[in-house]
Amino acid sequence: FLYQQALRRAYAQHDRSLDMHVSHIRRKLLAVGYEAARVDTVWGKGYVLVRAGA
């Protein structure tokens, strides 16, 4: 669902585009010093925003 909503195309198993977008988001959050939360991968499900210290 996230793949289709974010990329506006049908799911492709070996397409790493969404992973790259999340990687860029993580990098940008670190660059601005955002430490209140992090984006974690939930294997087989997607991503979750986790508060620091949790």
N, C-alpha and C. Protein backbone atom coordinates (compact mmCIF):
# COMPACT_ATOMS: atom_id res chain seq x y z
N PHE A 1 0.81 -1.20 0.00
CA PHE A 1 0.00 0.00 0.00
C PHE A 1 0.86 1.26 0.00
N LEU A 2 1.84 1.34 0.89
CA LEU A 2 2.71 2.51 0.95
C LEU A 2 3.44 2.71 -0.37
N TYR A 3 3.94 1.62 -0.93
CA TYR A 3 4.65 1.66 -2.21
C TYR A 3 3.76 2.29 -3.28
N GLN A 4 2.53 1.80 -3.38
CA GLN A 4 1.62 2.28 -4.41
C GLN A 4 1.21 3.73 -4.18
N GLN A 5 1.02 4.12 -2.92
CA GLN A 5 0.64 5.50 -2.62
C GLN A 5 1.79 6.47 -2.85
N ALA A 6 2.98 6.10 -2.43
CA ALA A 6 4.13 7.00 -2.54
C ALA A 6 4.65 7.12 -3.97
N LEU A 7 4.68 6.00 -4.68
CA LEU A 7 5.29 6.00 -6.01
C LEU A 7 4.29 6.06 -7.15
N ARG A 8 3.01 5.89 -6.82
CA ARG A 8 1.93 5.98 -7.82
C ARG A 8 2.11 4.97 -8.96
N ARG A 9 2.50 3.74 -8.60
CA ARG A 9 2.61 2.68 -9.61
C ARG A 9 2.43 1.33 -8.93
N ALA A 10 2.25 0.31 -9.73
CA ALA A 10 2.04 -1.04 -9.20
C ALA A 10 3.30 -1.53 -8.49
N TYR A 11 3.08 -2.37 -7.48
CA TYR A 11 4.19 -2.93 -6.70
C TYR A 11 5.08 -3.82 -7.56
N ALA A 12 6.38 -3.65 -7.43
CA ALA A 12 7.37 -4.49 -8.10
C ALA A 12 8.32 -5.01 -7.02
N GLN A 13 8.41 -6.31 -6.88
CA GLN A 13 9.14 -6.93 -5.77
C GLN A 13 10.59 -6.47 -5.64
N HIS A 14 11.28 -6.29 -6.74
CA HIS A 14 12.71 -5.99 -6.68
C HIS A 14 13.03 -4.50 -6.86
N ASP A 15 12.01 -3.67 -6.89
CA ASP A 15 12.21 -2.22 -7.03
C ASP A 15 12.59 -1.65 -5.67
N ARG A 16 13.72 -0.97 -5.60
CA ARG A 16 14.22 -0.42 -4.34
C ARG A 16 13.93 1.08 -4.20
N SER A 17 13.06 1.61 -5.04
CA SER A 17 12.78 3.05 -5.03
C SER A 17 12.28 3.55 -3.69
N LEU A 18 11.33 2.85 -3.09
CA LEU A 18 10.80 3.29 -1.80
C LEU A 18 11.89 3.25 -0.73
N ASP A 19 12.72 2.21 -0.76
CA ASP A 19 13.83 2.12 0.19
C ASP A 19 14.76 3.31 0.06
N MET A 20 15.01 3.72 -1.17
CA MET A 20 15.88 4.87 -1.40
C MET A 20 15.24 6.16 -0.88
N HIS A 21 13.94 6.33 -1.08
CA HIS A 21 13.24 7.51 -0.56
C HIS A 21 13.35 7.57 0.97
N VAL A 22 13.12 6.44 1.62
CA VAL A 22 13.21 6.39 3.08
C VAL A 22 14.64 6.68 3.53
N SER A 23 15.62 6.15 2.81
CA SER A 23 17.02 6.42 3.12
C SER A 23 17.31 7.92 3.06
N HIS A 24 16.79 8.59 2.04
CA HIS A 24 16.99 10.03 1.91
C HIS A 24 16.30 10.80 3.04
N ILE A 25 15.12 10.35 3.42
CA ILE A 25 14.41 10.99 4.54
C ILE A 25 15.23 10.85 5.82
N ARG A 26 15.76 9.65 6.06
CA ARG A 26 16.60 9.43 7.25
C ARG A 26 17.80 10.37 7.25
N ARG A 27 18.46 10.49 6.10
CA ARG A 27 19.64 11.35 5.98
C ARG A 27 19.28 12.82 6.24
N LYS A 28 18.16 13.25 5.69
CA LYS A 28 17.74 14.64 5.88
C LYS A 28 17.39 14.93 7.34
N LEU A 29 16.75 13.98 8.00
CA LEU A 29 16.43 14.17 9.42
C LEU A 29 17.70 14.30 10.25
N LEU A 30 18.69 13.47 9.96
CA LEU A 30 19.97 13.55 10.67
C LEU A 30 20.69 14.87 10.38
N ALA A 31 20.61 15.33 9.13
CA ALA A 31 21.31 16.55 8.73
C ALA A 31 20.79 17.79 9.47
N VAL A 32 19.50 17.79 9.79
CA VAL A 32 18.94 18.95 10.50
C VAL A 32 18.94 18.74 12.01
N GLY A 33 19.53 17.63 12.45
CA GLY A 33 19.66 17.38 13.88
C GLY A 33 18.41 16.86 14.54
N TYR A 34 17.50 16.30 13.77
CA TYR A 34 16.26 15.76 14.34
C TYR A 34 16.56 14.45 15.06
N GLU A 35 16.42 14.48 16.37
CA GLU A 35 16.74 13.30 17.18
C GLU A 35 15.56 12.82 18.01
N ALA A 36 14.38 13.42 17.82
CA ALA A 36 13.21 13.05 18.62
C ALA A 36 12.68 11.67 18.24
N ALA A 37 12.97 11.24 17.02
CA ALA A 37 12.49 9.94 16.56
C ALA A 37 13.35 9.46 15.41
N ARG A 38 13.17 8.18 15.06
CA ARG A 38 13.89 7.63 13.92
C ARG A 38 12.93 6.77 13.10
N VAL A 39 13.26 6.54 11.85
CA VAL A 39 12.45 5.71 10.97
C VAL A 39 13.08 4.32 10.95
N ASP A 40 12.35 3.34 11.45
CA ASP A 40 12.83 1.96 11.46
C ASP A 40 12.10 1.14 10.41
N THR A 41 12.79 0.13 9.89
CA THR A 41 12.20 -0.80 8.95
C THR A 41 11.56 -1.94 9.72
N VAL A 42 10.33 -2.27 9.36
CA VAL A 42 9.65 -3.45 9.91
C VAL A 42 9.59 -4.44 8.76
N TRP A 43 10.48 -5.43 8.82
CA TRP A 43 10.65 -6.36 7.71
C TRP A 43 9.33 -7.02 7.33
N GLY A 44 9.03 -7.00 6.04
CA GLY A 44 7.82 -7.61 5.53
C GLY A 44 6.56 -6.78 5.72
N LYS A 45 6.68 -5.63 6.38
CA LYS A 45 5.51 -4.79 6.66
C LYS A 45 5.66 -3.37 6.13
N GLY A 46 6.78 -2.72 6.44
CA GLY A 46 6.96 -1.34 6.03
C GLY A 46 7.89 -0.59 6.96
N TYR A 47 7.46 0.59 7.39
CA TYR A 47 8.30 1.45 8.22
C TYR A 47 7.50 1.96 9.40
N VAL A 48 8.22 2.33 10.45
CA VAL A 48 7.57 2.88 11.63
C VAL A 48 8.44 4.01 12.18
N LEU A 49 7.80 5.06 12.66
CA LEU A 49 8.51 6.16 13.30
C LEU A 49 8.57 5.86 14.79
N VAL A 50 9.79 5.72 15.31
CA VAL A 50 10.00 5.32 16.70
C VAL A 50 10.60 6.49 17.47
N ARG A 51 10.00 6.82 18.60
CA ARG A 51 10.54 7.89 19.44
C ARG A 51 11.89 7.49 20.01
N ALA A 52 12.77 8.46 20.13
CA ALA A 52 14.09 8.21 20.71
C ALA A 52 13.93 7.72 22.14
N GLY A 53 14.74 6.73 22.50
CA GLY A 53 14.69 6.17 23.84
C GLY A 53 13.64 5.08 24.01
N ALA A 54 12.91 4.78 22.95
CA ALA A 54 11.86 3.74 23.05
C ALA A 54 12.42 2.38 22.70
